[in-house]
Amino acid sequence: MAKMEDILGELSEVGRLVDPFMEKALANMVSSDFLEIVLHQVKTGGKRVRPALVILSCEACGGSREDALPVAAAIELIHEYSLIFDDIIDRGEIRRGKPTVRKLYGDIMALLAALHYRESISELVNQSKKPLELHALIAETIKRIIEGERLDILFEQAGRREEYIVKHRYREIDFSDYLRMIEYKTAALIEAACLAGAIIADAPPVQCDALAKYGRKIGIAFQLIDDLLDIFGEEKTFGKKVGKDILEHKLGNAIILKALQNLPKEKREDLLEILRSEKISEEDVRKAIKIISMTNAREEVYNMALTLVEDAKKSLLGLPVSQARSKLEKLADFIVKRKF
């Protein structure tokens, strides 16, 4: 098997093809003193997995890379746009090891930058071969992401005092609730990336369905690994604060949920007490991770992700053998082996 660094290098090389498209769209009709703010998010790096998925899915169905580039850029901008909002909602200060847009420029400018992204997404889709189909797909996808974000907030156990959130907060959730949330918040865009590539290639319905299924499964696996790294990752490598979900009172983390299912009653109550505290200290985070480490949650979640990835790769068997299909298979492997 190829080294993970090699796989990431291949993916990034493909994904980075969209950078000029994104930057050109973002720079259109923007004041010179606002441009720095608008470009900050896309300049912070990122793995560019989603645009790589659009391009490779298109090529795997016999389509042209050049035709895929505008929509691949649009898909990545949806991701970046959602991250800006995510950081506003969660009061995030670090993203990819760098200050967030809101940290540098404030919530108001971050919000305006995100709105500018939304219109740039539309401009890029209008440049594609299938604007009507893709606009419909993107509208549905963004609505699903918003619903996922709403559920994620309602799964938080404390830290917000808005009347709606307090009234509708989930005090208990089961794993099916969690899966519904991540299918919307994370997997929806990855599924859309794969389906968009197939649409651009004029792929038959069977290939569109296969790629959508592949994207959905690797999307869920991606979030499972993200949750694992949030608790057990190395901050320098991960690029985000380890234990961030604990600090944000989240039940919507696979590791936390599996730990709560497996812990004895006393330790379960200890963990919930931390999550439900209005103020969580660094010492509380360390204590929570120690409690979680008493369970096999890490292994259980990792094995779930591994199974999803293997199922996703099976979905690709109906596609013609090609270099693009091979890269999609490698990308699936990268998702469960990544450290960041």
Protein backbone atom coordinates (compact mmCIF):
# COMPACT_ATOMS: atom_id res chain seq x y z
CA MET A 1 0.00 0.00 0.00
CA ALA A 2 1.24 3.48 -0.83
CA LYS A 3 2.39 5.69 2.00
CA MET A 4 -0.23 8.09 3.34
CA GLU A 5 2.03 11.05 2.54
CA ASP A 6 2.13 9.94 -1.12
CA ILE A 7 -1.65 9.54 -1.25
CA LEU A 8 -2.17 12.97 0.31
CA GLY A 9 0.33 14.47 -2.11
CA GLU A 10 -1.55 13.01 -5.09
CA LEU A 11 -4.90 14.24 -3.77
CA SER A 12 -3.61 17.70 -2.93
CA GLU A 13 -2.06 18.00 -6.39
CA VAL A 14 -5.47 17.31 -7.92
CA GLY A 15 -7.42 19.37 -5.38
CA ARG A 16 -5.14 22.41 -5.65
CA LEU A 17 -6.11 22.81 -9.32
CA VAL A 18 -9.19 24.67 -8.06
CA ASP A 19 -7.29 27.36 -6.14
CA PRO A 20 -7.03 29.83 -9.06
CA PHE A 21 -10.75 29.35 -9.79
CA MET A 22 -11.70 30.03 -6.17
CA GLU A 23 -9.45 33.06 -5.84
CA LYS A 24 -10.67 34.56 -9.12
CA ALA A 25 -14.32 34.11 -8.12
CA LEU A 26 -13.72 35.55 -4.65
CA ALA A 27 -11.79 38.54 -6.02
CA ASN A 28 -14.64 39.46 -8.36
CA MET A 29 -16.47 42.64 -7.24
CA VAL A 30 -14.72 42.95 -3.88
CA SER A 31 -13.10 46.07 -2.41
CA SER A 32 -9.31 45.94 -2.17
CA ASP A 33 -9.37 46.39 1.62
CA PHE A 34 -11.91 43.54 1.98
CA LEU A 35 -10.02 41.13 -0.30
CA GLU A 36 -7.55 40.13 2.42
CA ILE A 37 -10.45 39.09 4.66
CA VAL A 38 -12.26 37.24 1.87
CA LEU A 39 -9.16 35.28 0.83
CA HIS A 40 -7.97 34.44 4.36
CA GLN A 41 -10.00 31.23 4.71
CA VAL A 42 -8.87 29.68 1.40
CA LYS A 43 -5.26 30.73 2.06
CA THR A 44 -5.06 28.79 5.35
CA GLY A 45 -4.48 25.51 3.53
CA GLY A 46 -6.66 22.45 3.83
CA LYS A 47 -6.45 19.02 2.25
CA ARG A 48 -8.69 19.90 -0.75
CA VAL A 49 -10.30 16.45 -0.50
CA ARG A 50 -13.70 17.63 -1.76
CA PRO A 51 -12.55 19.21 -5.04
CA ALA A 52 -10.34 16.18 -5.63
CA LEU A 53 -13.46 14.04 -5.25
CA VAL A 54 -15.34 16.08 -7.86
CA ILE A 55 -12.48 15.84 -10.36
CA LEU A 56 -11.73 12.15 -9.78
CA SER A 57 -15.43 11.18 -9.85
CA CYS A 58 -15.83 13.00 -13.15
CA GLU A 59 -12.75 11.29 -14.62
CA ALA A 60 -13.83 7.89 -13.25
CA CYS A 61 -17.03 8.24 -15.31
CA GLY A 62 -15.13 9.23 -18.46
CA GLY A 63 -15.53 12.99 -18.06
CA SER A 64 -13.04 15.80 -18.58
CA ARG A 65 -10.96 17.31 -15.78
CA GLU A 66 -11.31 20.77 -17.32
CA ASP A 67 -15.11 20.50 -17.24
CA ALA A 68 -15.01 19.53 -13.56
CA LEU A 69 -12.84 22.41 -12.32
CA PRO A 70 -15.47 25.18 -11.87
CA VAL A 71 -17.85 22.97 -9.89
CA ALA A 72 -14.93 21.46 -7.94
CA ALA A 73 -14.02 25.01 -6.91
CA ALA A 74 -17.65 25.67 -5.96
CA ILE A 75 -17.77 22.55 -3.79
CA GLU A 76 -14.59 23.58 -1.96
CA LEU A 77 -16.02 27.07 -1.41
CA ILE A 78 -19.12 25.52 0.18
CA HIS A 79 -16.78 23.72 2.57
CA GLU A 80 -14.81 26.87 3.35
CA TYR A 81 -18.02 28.89 3.71
CA SER A 82 -19.40 26.37 6.20
CA LEU A 83 -16.15 26.51 8.21
CA ILE A 84 -16.40 30.30 8.54
CA PHE A 85 -19.93 29.91 9.90
CA ASP A 86 -18.84 27.01 12.11
CA ASP A 87 -16.14 29.18 13.67
CA ILE A 88 -18.61 32.03 14.25
CA ILE A 89 -21.10 29.65 15.91
CA ASP A 90 -18.47 27.86 18.01
CA ARG A 91 -16.40 31.00 18.68
CA GLY A 92 -13.44 29.20 17.09
CA GLU A 93 -10.04 30.86 17.21
CA ILE A 94 -7.75 28.33 15.49
CA ARG A 95 -8.36 26.49 12.23
CA ARG A 96 -5.65 24.53 10.38
CA GLY A 97 -3.15 25.83 12.90
CA LYS A 98 -3.89 29.47 11.99
CA PRO A 99 -6.20 32.17 13.40
CA THR A 100 -9.77 31.94 12.10
CA VAL A 101 -11.38 34.68 10.03
CA ARG A 102 -13.50 35.77 13.02
CA LYS A 103 -10.48 35.78 15.34
CA LEU A 104 -8.54 38.11 13.03
CA TYR A 105 -11.33 40.32 11.73
CA GLY A 106 -14.34 39.85 14.03
CA ASP A 107 -17.69 38.12 13.63
CA ILE A 108 -19.28 40.81 11.45
CA MET A 109 -16.55 40.76 8.80
CA ALA A 110 -16.44 36.95 8.95
CA LEU A 111 -20.18 36.83 8.32
CA LEU A 112 -19.89 39.21 5.37
CA ALA A 113 -17.00 37.17 3.95
CA ALA A 114 -19.12 34.01 4.19
CA LEU A 115 -21.99 35.69 2.34
CA HIS A 116 -19.54 36.73 -0.37
CA TYR A 117 -18.48 33.07 -0.63
CA ARG A 118 -22.10 32.03 -1.16
CA GLU A 119 -22.48 34.28 -4.21
CA SER A 120 -19.08 33.20 -5.56
CA ILE A 121 -20.31 29.60 -5.38
CA SER A 122 -23.25 30.52 -7.64
CA GLU A 123 -20.93 32.25 -10.11
CA LEU A 124 -18.74 29.14 -10.37
CA VAL A 125 -21.71 26.81 -10.88
CA ASN A 126 -22.93 29.08 -13.69
CA GLN A 127 -19.62 28.39 -15.47
CA SER A 128 -20.25 24.62 -15.42
CA LYS A 129 -21.78 22.42 -18.12
CA LYS A 130 -24.82 21.52 -15.99
CA PRO A 131 -25.76 24.64 -14.02
CA LEU A 132 -29.44 23.79 -13.43
CA GLU A 133 -28.77 20.30 -12.06
CA LEU A 134 -25.83 21.50 -9.98
CA HIS A 135 -27.66 24.51 -8.52
CA ALA A 136 -30.40 22.12 -7.35
CA LEU A 137 -27.84 19.72 -5.86
CA ILE A 138 -25.98 22.53 -4.09
CA ALA A 139 -29.15 24.12 -2.70
CA GLU A 140 -30.23 20.77 -1.24
CA THR A 141 -26.74 20.12 0.12
CA ILE A 142 -26.44 23.50 1.86
CA LYS A 143 -29.86 23.00 3.47
CA ARG A 144 -28.71 19.61 4.77
CA ILE A 145 -25.51 21.14 6.14
CA ILE A 146 -27.56 23.80 7.96
CA GLU A 147 -29.81 21.15 9.51
CA GLY A 148 -26.73 19.19 10.58
CA GLU A 149 -25.28 22.32 12.18
CA ARG A 150 -28.57 22.95 14.00
CA LEU A 151 -28.60 19.42 15.41
CA ASP A 152 -24.95 19.67 16.43
CA ILE A 153 -25.76 22.82 18.43
CA LEU A 154 -28.78 21.18 20.06
CA PHE A 155 -26.62 18.21 21.08
CA GLU A 156 -24.43 20.56 23.16
CA GLN A 157 -25.08 20.14 26.88
CA ALA A 158 -24.37 23.69 28.05
CA GLY A 159 -22.64 26.92 27.03
CA ARG A 160 -25.49 28.63 25.16
CA ARG A 161 -28.39 30.54 26.69
CA GLU A 162 -30.55 31.38 23.68
CA GLU A 163 -34.18 30.48 24.46
CA TYR A 164 -34.67 28.22 21.43
CA ILE A 165 -31.49 26.24 22.13
CA VAL A 166 -32.23 25.79 25.84
CA LYS A 167 -35.81 24.70 25.05
CA HIS A 168 -34.90 22.19 22.33
CA ARG A 169 -31.56 20.91 23.64
CA TYR A 170 -31.15 17.12 23.55
CA ARG A 171 -30.27 15.90 27.05
CA GLU A 172 -29.72 12.37 25.73
CA ILE A 173 -28.99 11.16 22.21
CA ASP A 174 -28.46 7.72 20.76
CA PHE A 175 -26.04 6.80 18.02
CA SER A 176 -28.72 7.00 15.31
CA ASP A 177 -29.29 10.68 16.24
CA TYR A 178 -25.56 11.27 15.92
CA LEU A 179 -25.39 9.52 12.54
CA ARG A 180 -28.27 11.63 11.24
CA MET A 181 -26.42 14.77 12.31
CA ILE A 182 -23.12 13.85 10.64
CA GLU A 183 -24.83 12.61 7.47
CA TYR A 184 -26.15 16.15 7.11
CA LYS A 185 -23.31 18.24 8.50
CA THR A 186 -20.32 16.37 7.01
CA ALA A 187 -21.28 13.54 4.66
CA ALA A 188 -23.79 15.55 2.59
CA LEU A 189 -21.10 17.71 1.00
CA ILE A 190 -18.75 14.80 0.34
CA GLU A 191 -21.62 12.87 -1.26
CA ALA A 192 -22.49 15.97 -3.33
CA ALA A 193 -18.86 16.30 -4.47
CA CYS A 194 -18.88 12.78 -5.89
CA LEU A 195 -22.32 13.14 -7.43
CA ALA A 196 -21.41 16.51 -8.98
CA GLY A 197 -18.44 14.91 -10.72
CA ALA A 198 -20.67 12.18 -12.13
CA ILE A 199 -23.25 14.75 -13.30
CA ILE A 200 -20.58 16.77 -15.14
CA ALA A 201 -19.44 13.55 -16.87
CA ASP A 202 -23.02 12.75 -18.01
CA ALA A 203 -22.72 9.46 -16.14
CA PRO A 204 -25.63 6.99 -16.23
CA PRO A 205 -27.82 6.73 -13.09
CA VAL A 206 -26.11 3.55 -11.88
CA GLN A 207 -22.72 5.30 -11.79
CA CYS A 208 -24.22 8.42 -10.17
CA ASP A 209 -25.76 6.24 -7.47
CA ALA A 210 -22.52 4.32 -6.92
CA LEU A 211 -20.49 7.51 -6.46
CA ALA A 212 -23.12 9.10 -4.21
CA LYS A 213 -23.05 5.98 -2.01
CA TYR A 214 -19.24 6.03 -1.97
CA GLY A 215 -19.25 9.70 -0.97
CA ARG A 216 -21.84 9.24 1.76
CA LYS A 217 -19.93 6.35 3.35
CA ILE A 218 -16.50 8.00 3.27
CA GLY A 219 -18.14 11.19 4.55
CA ILE A 220 -19.43 9.42 7.64
CA ALA A 221 -16.07 7.68 8.09
CA PHE A 222 -14.29 11.05 7.76
CA GLN A 223 -16.32 12.51 10.64
CA LEU A 224 -15.81 9.42 12.81
CA ILE A 225 -12.05 9.83 12.43
CA ASP A 226 -12.34 13.58 13.02
CA ASP A 227 -14.13 12.85 16.30
CA LEU A 228 -11.43 10.34 17.25
CA LEU A 229 -8.68 12.87 16.53
CA ASP A 230 -10.52 15.55 18.51
CA ILE A 231 -10.09 13.42 21.64
CA PHE A 232 -6.89 11.47 20.94
CA GLY A 233 -5.05 13.45 18.24
CA GLU A 234 -1.86 15.47 18.55
CA GLU A 235 -2.68 19.18 18.47
CA LYS A 236 0.34 20.17 16.37
CA THR A 237 -0.46 17.53 13.74
CA PHE A 238 -4.26 17.81 13.94
CA GLY A 239 -4.22 21.60 13.42
CA LYS A 240 -7.06 22.08 15.92
CA LYS A 241 -7.27 22.13 19.68
CA VAL A 242 -7.51 18.57 21.05
CA GLY A 243 -10.52 18.18 23.32
CA LYS A 244 -12.36 21.02 21.56
CA ASP A 245 -15.62 19.04 21.52
CA ILE A 246 -15.40 18.58 25.28
CA LEU A 247 -14.76 22.31 25.76
CA GLU A 248 -17.83 22.96 23.61
CA HIS A 249 -20.03 20.61 25.71
CA LYS A 250 -20.74 18.35 22.71
CA LEU A 251 -22.55 15.04 22.87
CA GLY A 252 -22.29 14.93 19.07
CA ASN A 253 -18.91 13.20 19.05
CA ALA A 254 -18.72 9.47 18.29
CA ILE A 255 -15.98 8.83 20.86
CA ILE A 256 -17.87 10.62 23.64
CA LEU A 257 -21.11 8.81 22.77
CA LYS A 258 -19.52 5.37 22.65
CA ALA A 259 -17.72 6.05 25.94
CA LEU A 260 -21.01 7.05 27.59
CA GLN A 261 -22.57 3.81 26.35
CA ASN A 262 -19.74 1.70 27.80
CA LEU A 263 -18.90 3.44 31.08
CA PRO A 264 -20.18 2.27 34.46
CA LYS A 265 -22.91 4.53 35.87
CA GLU A 266 -20.66 6.52 38.22
CA LYS A 267 -18.06 7.34 35.56
CA ARG A 268 -20.81 8.07 33.03
CA GLU A 269 -22.25 10.65 35.41
CA ASP A 270 -18.78 12.13 35.94
CA LEU A 271 -18.35 12.62 32.19
CA LEU A 272 -21.83 14.10 31.77
CA GLU A 273 -21.21 16.44 34.69
CA ILE A 274 -18.17 17.85 32.89
CA LEU A 275 -20.05 18.25 29.59
CA ARG A 276 -22.96 19.96 31.37
CA SER A 277 -20.78 22.43 33.29
CA GLU A 278 -21.18 26.01 32.08
CA LYS A 279 -17.42 26.51 32.26
CA ILE A 280 -15.02 23.71 31.35
CA SER A 281 -11.34 24.05 32.28
CA GLU A 282 -8.30 22.44 30.68
CA GLU A 283 -8.13 20.19 33.75
CA ASP A 284 -11.74 19.14 33.11
CA VAL A 285 -10.79 18.24 29.52
CA ARG A 286 -7.89 16.10 30.73
CA LYS A 287 -10.18 14.41 33.26
CA ALA A 288 -12.81 13.73 30.58
CA ILE A 289 -10.24 12.22 28.21
CA LYS A 290 -8.95 10.03 31.04
CA ILE A 291 -12.49 8.77 31.70
CA ILE A 292 -13.10 8.16 27.98
CA SER A 293 -9.80 6.25 27.78
CA MET A 294 -11.18 3.70 30.25
CA THR A 295 -13.44 2.39 27.47
CA ASN A 296 -12.82 0.80 24.07
CA ALA A 297 -14.53 3.74 22.33
CA ARG A 298 -11.42 4.53 20.29
CA GLU A 299 -11.19 1.03 18.81
CA GLU A 300 -14.94 0.77 18.29
CA VAL A 301 -15.18 4.05 16.38
CA TYR A 302 -12.07 3.31 14.32
CA ASN A 303 -13.45 -0.10 13.31
CA MET A 304 -16.76 1.49 12.30
CA ALA A 305 -14.87 3.93 10.06
CA LEU A 306 -12.81 1.10 8.58
CA THR A 307 -15.96 -0.90 7.73
CA LEU A 308 -17.56 2.13 6.07
CA VAL A 309 -14.45 2.74 3.97
CA GLU A 310 -14.33 -0.88 2.80
CA ASP A 311 -18.02 -0.69 1.86
CA ALA A 312 -17.38 2.59 0.03
CA LYS A 313 -14.61 1.01 -2.04
CA LYS A 314 -16.95 -1.84 -3.00
CA SER A 315 -19.36 0.77 -4.38
CA LEU A 316 -16.70 1.70 -6.95
CA LEU A 317 -16.49 -1.80 -8.44
CA GLY A 318 -19.19 -0.97 -10.99
CA LEU A 319 -17.05 1.81 -12.47
CA PRO A 320 -14.53 1.14 -15.26
CA VAL A 321 -11.02 0.34 -14.05
CA SER A 322 -9.03 3.57 -14.32
CA GLN A 323 -6.40 5.68 -12.63
CA ALA A 324 -9.15 7.94 -11.28
CA ARG A 325 -10.99 5.00 -9.68
CA SER A 326 -7.73 3.83 -8.13
CA LYS A 327 -7.19 7.29 -6.64
CA LEU A 328 -10.70 7.27 -5.19
CA GLU A 329 -9.87 3.97 -3.50
CA LYS A 330 -6.63 5.46 -2.12
CA LEU A 331 -8.52 8.50 -0.88
CA ALA A 332 -10.85 6.23 1.09
CA ASP A 333 -7.82 4.57 2.70
CA PHE A 334 -6.36 7.99 3.56
CA ILE A 335 -9.51 8.94 5.49
CA VAL A 336 -9.06 6.22 8.11
CA LYS A 337 -5.28 6.49 8.33
CA ARG A 338 -4.95 10.27 8.55
CA LYS A 339 -3.63 12.02 11.65
CA PHE A 340 -5.03 15.44 10.71
